[in-house]
């Protein structure tokens, strides 16, 4: 009897620190909530929702375009940046709210935006090829490898630190990508050849690598040329890079004569013309809303929260693709999904320890 009481007392004592920690976290969360106005939390909730809804919706619409008869890669890459006027609509009022003027453009800054715009246009084209040949769930999982390249290019270009947790994340996400490559026969559509599937896989990885490079170069522009981080400055960069990307992509669409082909493509599109133009219009809107949501989360909260939401949207995209587009979901893909989520968690933890995670701004498809 006495031995049982001793054991019970020991369990009670060992669990006490846990509940104390929970109580401390609740108190801290309550204090944090009370320290900011309700408008702040409403805006943060809306921004988070934009990331979790708009980005997956954009990915699904890209795949839906090809699934229902669309063929143009240039057109989908053009759609990814065609929504840039939405960012302008948000940017202009911030000058009045913040009582500031637009950032002056010099030659170096203009050339930087020009280069980033060209790279973003190329990146969007690579992801367009990926969504043309891969299921949306697979393309989304492979695109998560951009985290690897963001860490590597951030280390090489911006001199960001890489700790053990980030190295662990790189290894885990690489393992997840490798599993998808080994299981390629289980999720290939019947109308996609082996060569096309391999091309989609390669373009997705190359697009992810370029995406990581764009992140690092964007941060370098802030560090070397702008020297400051504020909401309106990031929106300015977003607008300028998107405009240059829009110009480059528009040239590609015109040279490829895709605008002329839209009428005939709309007639053949499953669901008709209305469905065709709805897919393109909402594709542009959702992608831009996702970018705006991500930018707002970064400056209202932290890159850690943005990383958490980014990690959540990968399984959301995959699950939505399985339910809405009937994507195949094998056991290996589920394993890859779990590993990817694990890798994101490790990266988020490593970033919180490092104290200066890479910037997460960009205008290319996720």
Protein backbone atom coordinates (compact mmCIF):
# COMPACT_ATOMS: atom_id res chain seq x y z
CA UNK A 1 0.00 0.00 0.00
CA UNK A 2 2.75 2.41 0.96
CA UNK A 3 4.70 1.48 -2.19
CA UNK A 4 1.66 2.35 -4.33
CA UNK A 5 1.29 5.74 -2.64
CA UNK A 6 4.98 6.47 -3.23
CA UNK A 7 4.64 5.63 -6.96
CA UNK A 8 1.51 7.80 -7.25
CA UNK A 9 3.29 10.69 -5.55
CA UNK A 10 6.26 10.28 -7.93
CA UNK A 11 4.01 10.40 -11.01
CA UNK A 12 2.25 13.47 -9.64
CA UNK A 13 5.56 15.24 -9.05
CA UNK A 14 6.94 14.35 -12.51
CA UNK A 15 3.81 15.64 -14.27
CA UNK A 16 3.81 18.90 -12.29
CA UNK A 17 6.49 20.63 -14.45
CA UNK A 18 4.49 19.72 -17.58
CA UNK A 19 1.30 21.35 -16.33
CA UNK A 20 3.29 24.29 -15.03
CA UNK A 21 4.72 24.76 -18.52
CA UNK A 22 1.23 24.55 -20.05
CA UNK A 23 -0.01 27.17 -17.58
CA UNK A 24 2.92 29.45 -18.43
CA UNK A 25 2.21 29.13 -22.17
CA UNK A 26 -1.48 29.93 -21.61
CA UNK A 27 -0.54 33.00 -19.61
CA UNK A 28 1.96 34.11 -22.23
CA UNK A 29 -0.58 33.61 -25.05
CA UNK A 30 -3.20 35.57 -23.08
CA UNK A 31 -0.77 38.43 -22.45
CA UNK A 32 0.26 38.49 -26.11
CA UNK A 33 -3.38 38.62 -27.21
CA UNK A 34 -4.18 41.48 -24.84
CA UNK A 35 -1.07 43.44 -25.88
CA UNK A 36 -2.36 44.01 -29.42
CA UNK A 37 -5.66 45.41 -30.75
CA UNK A 38 -8.35 43.10 -32.13
CA UNK A 39 -7.80 44.57 -35.60
CA UNK A 40 -4.27 43.14 -35.54
CA UNK A 41 -5.51 39.61 -34.83
CA UNK A 42 -8.27 39.89 -37.43
CA UNK A 43 -5.74 40.97 -40.07
CA UNK A 44 -3.33 38.19 -39.04
CA UNK A 45 -6.15 35.61 -39.23
CA UNK A 46 -7.18 36.83 -42.69
CA UNK A 47 -3.56 36.80 -43.90
CA UNK A 48 -3.03 33.28 -42.59
CA UNK A 49 -6.26 32.13 -44.22
CA UNK A 50 -5.10 33.67 -47.51
CA UNK A 51 -1.91 31.60 -47.38
CA UNK A 52 -3.72 28.38 -46.48
CA UNK A 53 -6.52 28.78 -49.03
CA UNK A 54 -5.20 30.88 -51.93
CA UNK A 55 -1.89 29.08 -52.57
CA UNK A 56 -3.43 25.54 -52.68
CA UNK A 57 -6.30 26.90 -54.81
CA UNK A 58 -3.81 28.40 -57.26
CA UNK A 59 -1.95 25.08 -57.54
CA UNK A 60 -5.19 23.14 -58.10
CA UNK A 61 -6.37 25.62 -60.74
CA UNK A 62 -3.06 25.25 -62.62
CA UNK A 63 -3.51 21.49 -62.70
CA UNK A 64 -7.23 21.83 -63.57
CA UNK A 65 -6.30 23.91 -66.62
CA UNK A 66 -4.22 21.05 -68.04
CA UNK A 67 -6.60 18.35 -66.89
CA UNK A 68 -9.52 19.95 -68.74
CA UNK A 69 -7.73 20.45 -72.04
CA UNK A 70 -5.36 23.42 -71.67
CA UNK A 71 -1.91 23.01 -73.18
CA UNK A 72 0.01 26.30 -72.93
CA UNK A 73 2.84 26.52 -70.44
CA UNK A 74 3.49 30.19 -71.17
CA UNK A 75 -0.12 31.11 -70.45
CA UNK A 76 -0.11 29.54 -66.99
CA UNK A 77 3.21 31.22 -66.13
CA UNK A 78 1.66 34.51 -67.33
CA UNK A 79 -1.38 33.97 -65.09
CA UNK A 80 0.93 33.64 -62.05
CA UNK A 81 2.00 37.30 -62.38
CA UNK A 82 -1.02 38.81 -64.15
CA UNK A 83 -2.58 39.67 -60.80
CA UNK A 84 0.10 42.26 -59.91
CA UNK A 85 -2.41 45.19 -60.00
CA UNK A 86 -3.99 43.71 -56.83
CA UNK A 87 -0.72 44.40 -54.99
CA UNK A 88 -0.72 47.98 -56.32
CA UNK A 89 -4.23 48.45 -54.90
CA UNK A 90 -2.90 47.40 -51.48
CA UNK A 91 0.37 49.38 -51.82
CA UNK A 92 -1.03 52.85 -52.60
CA UNK A 93 -3.04 53.25 -49.35
CA UNK A 94 0.01 52.21 -47.29
CA UNK A 95 1.79 55.42 -48.36
CA UNK A 96 -1.00 57.46 -46.74
CA UNK A 97 -1.32 55.22 -43.68
CA UNK A 98 2.45 55.15 -43.05
CA UNK A 99 2.85 58.79 -44.14
CA UNK A 100 5.78 57.95 -46.38
CA UNK A 101 6.85 58.31 -50.01
CA UNK A 102 7.73 55.65 -52.60
CA UNK A 103 11.30 54.36 -52.42
CA UNK A 104 13.46 56.19 -55.03
CA UNK A 105 14.60 53.96 -57.89
CA UNK A 106 18.27 54.13 -58.89
CA UNK A 107 20.05 52.12 -61.57
CA UNK A 108 21.24 49.31 -59.25
CA UNK A 109 17.81 48.81 -57.68
CA UNK A 110 16.08 48.85 -61.08
CA UNK A 111 18.55 46.29 -62.49
CA UNK A 112 18.03 44.13 -59.39
CA UNK A 113 14.26 44.14 -59.92
CA UNK A 114 14.81 43.42 -63.62
CA UNK A 115 16.95 40.36 -62.86
CA UNK A 116 14.54 39.09 -60.19
CA UNK A 117 11.64 39.61 -62.62
CA UNK A 118 13.39 37.57 -65.32
CA UNK A 119 14.21 34.78 -62.85
CA UNK A 120 10.62 34.76 -61.56
CA UNK A 121 9.28 34.50 -65.12
CA UNK A 122 11.60 31.54 -65.78
CA UNK A 123 10.61 29.98 -62.46
CA UNK A 124 6.90 30.24 -63.26
CA UNK A 125 7.50 28.59 -66.62
CA UNK A 126 9.31 25.68 -64.97
CA UNK A 127 6.45 25.13 -62.52
CA UNK A 128 3.96 25.33 -65.41
CA UNK A 129 5.72 22.36 -67.03
CA UNK A 130 5.59 20.54 -63.69
CA UNK A 131 1.82 20.98 -63.32
CA UNK A 132 1.30 20.00 -66.96
CA UNK A 133 2.87 16.56 -66.45
CA UNK A 134 2.51 15.79 -62.72
CA UNK A 135 -0.46 15.37 -60.35
CA UNK A 136 -0.99 18.50 -58.23
CA UNK A 137 -0.25 16.54 -55.04
CA UNK A 138 3.08 15.31 -56.42
CA UNK A 139 4.06 18.72 -57.82
CA UNK A 140 3.29 20.34 -54.46
CA UNK A 141 5.41 17.82 -52.54
CA UNK A 142 8.35 18.25 -54.91
CA UNK A 143 8.05 22.05 -54.73
CA UNK A 144 8.63 21.82 -50.97
CA UNK A 145 12.27 21.12 -51.84
CA UNK A 146 12.60 24.89 -52.40
CA UNK A 147 13.17 25.02 -48.65
CA UNK A 148 16.42 23.11 -49.16
CA UNK A 149 17.65 25.54 -51.78
CA UNK A 150 16.50 28.57 -49.75
CA UNK A 151 18.71 27.40 -46.87
CA UNK A 152 21.69 26.62 -49.13
CA UNK A 153 21.55 29.82 -51.20
CA UNK A 154 20.86 31.84 -48.05
CA UNK A 155 24.06 30.41 -46.58
CA UNK A 156 26.13 30.99 -49.73
CA UNK A 157 24.81 34.42 -50.78
CA UNK A 158 23.47 36.15 -47.67
CA UNK A 159 25.70 34.30 -45.17
CA UNK A 160 22.73 33.01 -43.13
CA UNK A 161 23.70 30.41 -40.55
CA UNK A 162 22.81 26.73 -40.95
CA UNK A 163 22.44 24.72 -37.76
CA UNK A 164 21.88 21.01 -37.08
CA UNK A 165 18.08 21.29 -37.24
CA UNK A 166 18.19 22.91 -40.69
CA UNK A 167 20.65 20.27 -41.95
CA UNK A 168 18.28 17.63 -40.57
CA UNK A 169 15.40 19.28 -42.48
CA UNK A 170 17.41 19.25 -45.71
CA UNK A 171 18.17 15.53 -45.36
CA UNK A 172 14.57 14.61 -44.48
CA UNK A 173 12.96 16.60 -47.32
CA UNK A 174 15.52 15.17 -49.77
CA UNK A 175 14.51 11.69 -48.61
CA UNK A 176 10.85 12.57 -49.24
CA UNK A 177 11.62 13.74 -52.79
CA UNK A 178 13.65 10.57 -53.43
CA UNK A 179 10.71 8.41 -52.34
CA UNK A 180 8.45 10.13 -54.88
CA UNK A 181 11.04 9.51 -57.60
CA UNK A 182 11.23 5.81 -56.74
CA UNK A 183 7.40 5.53 -56.76
CA UNK A 184 6.84 7.34 -60.05
CA UNK A 185 4.78 4.55 -61.65
CA UNK A 186 1.96 4.79 -59.11
CA UNK A 187 0.82 8.38 -59.75
CA UNK A 188 1.43 8.98 -63.44
CA UNK A 189 -1.65 9.87 -65.49
CA UNK A 190 -2.46 7.52 -68.36
CA UNK A 191 -2.04 10.22 -71.01
CA UNK A 192 1.41 11.23 -69.71
CA UNK A 193 4.43 9.41 -71.17
CA UNK A 194 7.49 8.36 -69.17
CA UNK A 195 9.50 11.14 -70.82
CA UNK A 196 6.90 13.79 -69.93
CA UNK A 197 6.70 12.60 -66.31
CA UNK A 198 10.49 12.77 -65.97
CA UNK A 199 10.46 16.25 -67.55
CA UNK A 200 7.79 17.36 -65.07
CA UNK A 201 9.83 15.97 -62.18
CA UNK A 202 13.04 17.64 -63.36
CA UNK A 203 11.38 21.01 -64.08
CA UNK A 204 9.74 20.96 -60.64
CA UNK A 205 13.09 20.42 -58.88
CA UNK A 206 14.82 23.03 -61.07
CA UNK A 207 11.97 25.47 -60.41
CA UNK A 208 12.32 24.83 -56.67
CA UNK A 209 16.06 25.49 -56.89
CA UNK A 210 15.46 28.75 -58.75
CA UNK A 211 12.77 29.64 -56.20
CA UNK A 212 15.33 29.26 -53.42
CA UNK A 213 17.80 31.44 -55.35
CA UNK A 214 15.14 34.14 -55.78
CA UNK A 215 14.52 34.14 -52.01
CA UNK A 216 18.23 34.61 -51.29
CA UNK A 217 18.66 37.34 -53.91
CA UNK A 218 15.54 39.14 -52.62
CA UNK A 219 17.05 39.21 -49.15
CA UNK A 220 20.35 40.42 -50.58
CA UNK A 221 18.55 43.35 -52.22
CA UNK A 222 17.13 44.31 -48.81
CA UNK A 223 20.48 43.96 -47.07
CA UNK A 224 22.68 45.69 -49.65
CA UNK A 225 20.43 48.17 -51.47
CA UNK A 226 17.36 48.98 -49.37
CA UNK A 227 18.81 48.56 -45.90
CA UNK A 228 15.40 48.40 -44.27
CA UNK A 229 12.37 46.15 -43.96
CA UNK A 230 8.92 47.67 -43.85
CA UNK A 231 5.60 46.54 -45.23
CA UNK A 232 5.40 49.12 -48.02
CA UNK A 233 9.01 48.47 -49.13
CA UNK A 234 8.32 44.75 -49.51
CA UNK A 235 5.13 45.50 -51.43
CA UNK A 236 7.12 47.82 -53.70
CA UNK A 237 9.59 45.06 -54.42
CA UNK A 238 6.70 42.66 -55.05
CA UNK A 239 5.11 45.04 -57.54
CA UNK A 240 8.31 45.86 -59.43
CA UNK A 241 9.47 42.24 -59.70
CA UNK A 242 5.97 41.15 -60.74
CA UNK A 243 5.76 43.86 -63.40
CA UNK A 244 9.09 42.83 -64.95
CA UNK A 245 8.10 39.16 -64.75
CA UNK A 246 4.77 40.07 -66.36
CA UNK A 247 6.57 41.86 -69.22
CA UNK A 248 8.95 38.95 -69.87
CA UNK A 249 6.12 36.39 -69.70
CA UNK A 250 3.88 38.47 -71.95
CA UNK A 251 6.65 38.54 -74.56
CA UNK A 252 6.85 34.73 -74.34
CA UNK A 253 3.07 34.38 -74.74
CA UNK A 254 3.07 36.71 -77.76
CA UNK A 255 6.02 34.97 -79.45
CA UNK A 256 4.38 31.59 -78.85
CA UNK A 257 1.07 33.02 -80.21
CA UNK A 258 -0.81 31.73 -77.17
CA UNK A 259 -3.15 34.74 -76.99
CA UNK A 260 -4.40 33.90 -80.50
CA UNK A 261 -4.89 30.26 -79.47
CA UNK A 262 -7.03 31.11 -76.43
CA UNK A 263 -10.31 31.27 -78.40
CA UNK A 264 -9.93 27.79 -79.92
CA UNK A 265 -8.56 26.40 -76.65
CA UNK A 266 -11.56 27.78 -74.76
CA UNK A 267 -13.95 26.05 -77.18
CA UNK A 268 -12.27 22.68 -76.59
CA UNK A 269 -11.99 23.18 -72.83
CA UNK A 270 -13.99 20.78 -70.70
CA UNK A 271 -16.82 22.83 -69.21
CA UNK A 272 -16.81 25.43 -71.98
CA UNK A 273 -15.55 28.98 -72.40
CA UNK A 274 -16.90 30.22 -69.09
CA UNK A 275 -15.04 27.53 -67.17
CA UNK A 276 -11.86 28.20 -69.17
CA UNK A 277 -11.72 31.92 -68.41
CA UNK A 278 -12.80 31.38 -64.79
CA UNK A 279 -9.84 29.04 -64.25
CA UNK A 280 -7.41 31.61 -65.66
CA UNK A 281 -8.90 34.63 -63.85
CA UNK A 282 -9.17 32.91 -60.48
CA UNK A 283 -5.71 31.42 -60.97
CA UNK A 284 -4.30 34.96 -61.19
CA UNK A 285 -6.36 36.23 -58.24
CA UNK A 286 -5.64 33.33 -55.87
CA UNK A 287 -1.90 33.34 -56.49
CA UNK A 288 -1.63 37.08 -55.83
CA UNK A 289 -3.79 36.78 -52.70
CA UNK A 290 -1.48 34.02 -51.46
CA UNK A 291 1.57 36.24 -51.99
CA UNK A 292 -0.09 39.17 -50.21
CA UNK A 293 -1.14 36.90 -47.34
CA UNK A 294 2.39 35.56 -46.97
CA UNK A 295 3.86 39.07 -46.99
CA UNK A 296 1.39 40.24 -44.33
CA UNK A 297 2.10 37.23 -42.08
CA UNK A 298 5.84 37.90 -42.28
CA UNK A 299 5.49 41.46 -41.06
CA UNK A 300 2.60 41.03 -38.64
CA UNK A 301 4.13 38.01 -36.94
CA UNK A 302 7.33 36.22 -37.95
CA UNK A 303 8.97 33.99 -40.53
CA UNK A 304 8.45 31.12 -38.07
CA UNK A 305 4.64 31.46 -38.33
CA UNK A 306 4.96 31.83 -42.12
CA UNK A 307 7.00 28.60 -42.12
CA UNK A 308 4.35 26.83 -40.05
CA UNK A 309 1.60 27.90 -42.46
CA UNK A 310 3.78 26.95 -45.42
CA UNK A 311 4.24 23.49 -43.90
CA UNK A 312 0.50 23.10 -43.35
CA UNK A 313 -0.43 24.08 -46.90
CA UNK A 314 1.64 21.26 -48.45
CA UNK A 315 -0.57 18.49 -47.02
CA UNK A 316 -3.64 20.69 -47.59
CA UNK A 317 -2.79 20.92 -51.30
CA UNK A 318 -2.15 17.19 -51.54
CA UNK A 319 -5.36 16.23 -49.72
CA UNK A 320 -7.43 18.71 -51.75
CA UNK A 321 -5.92 17.35 -54.98
CA UNK A 322 -6.87 13.80 -54.00
CA UNK A 323 -10.45 14.82 -53.12
CA UNK A 324 -11.18 17.36 -55.88
CA UNK A 325 -8.96 16.20 -58.76
CA UNK A 326 -8.88 12.49 -57.83
CA UNK A 327 -5.09 12.44 -57.66
CA UNK A 328 -3.64 8.99 -56.93
CA UNK A 329 -2.29 8.70 -53.36
CA UNK A 330 -0.04 5.71 -52.76
CA UNK A 331 1.53 4.61 -49.50
CA UNK A 332 4.89 5.94 -50.66
CA UNK A 333 3.39 9.38 -51.35
CA UNK A 334 1.83 9.41 -47.88
CA UNK A 335 5.26 8.54 -46.44
CA UNK A 336 6.81 11.35 -48.47
CA UNK A 337 4.13 13.71 -47.16
CA UNK A 338 4.91 12.76 -43.55
CA UNK A 339 8.65 13.22 -44.13
CA UNK A 340 8.08 16.59 -45.78
CA UNK A 341 5.98 17.78 -42.83
CA UNK A 342 8.67 16.51 -40.44
CA UNK A 343 11.33 18.34 -42.46
CA UNK A 344 9.35 21.59 -42.31
CA UNK A 345 8.99 21.22 -38.53
CA UNK A 346 12.74 20.72 -38.16
CA UNK A 347 13.44 23.73 -40.39
CA UNK A 348 11.02 25.93 -38.42
CA UNK A 349 12.69 24.91 -35.15
CA UNK A 350 16.15 25.57 -36.60
CA UNK A 351 15.05 28.96 -37.94
CA UNK A 352 13.69 29.98 -34.54
CA UNK A 353 17.06 29.12 -32.98
CA UNK A 354 19.01 30.89 -35.68
CA UNK A 355 17.09 34.12 -35.21
CA UNK A 356 17.47 35.25 -38.80
CA UNK A 357 15.67 32.98 -41.22
CA UNK A 358 15.69 33.65 -44.94
CA UNK A 359 13.22 36.11 -46.42
CA UNK A 360 10.17 34.44 -47.93
CA UNK A 361 9.27 36.95 -50.63
CA UNK A 362 8.96 35.99 -54.23
CA UNK A 363 6.66 36.17 -57.23
CA UNK A 364 7.07 32.69 -58.62
CA UNK A 365 4.68 29.79 -58.18
CA UNK A 366 5.06 27.75 -55.02
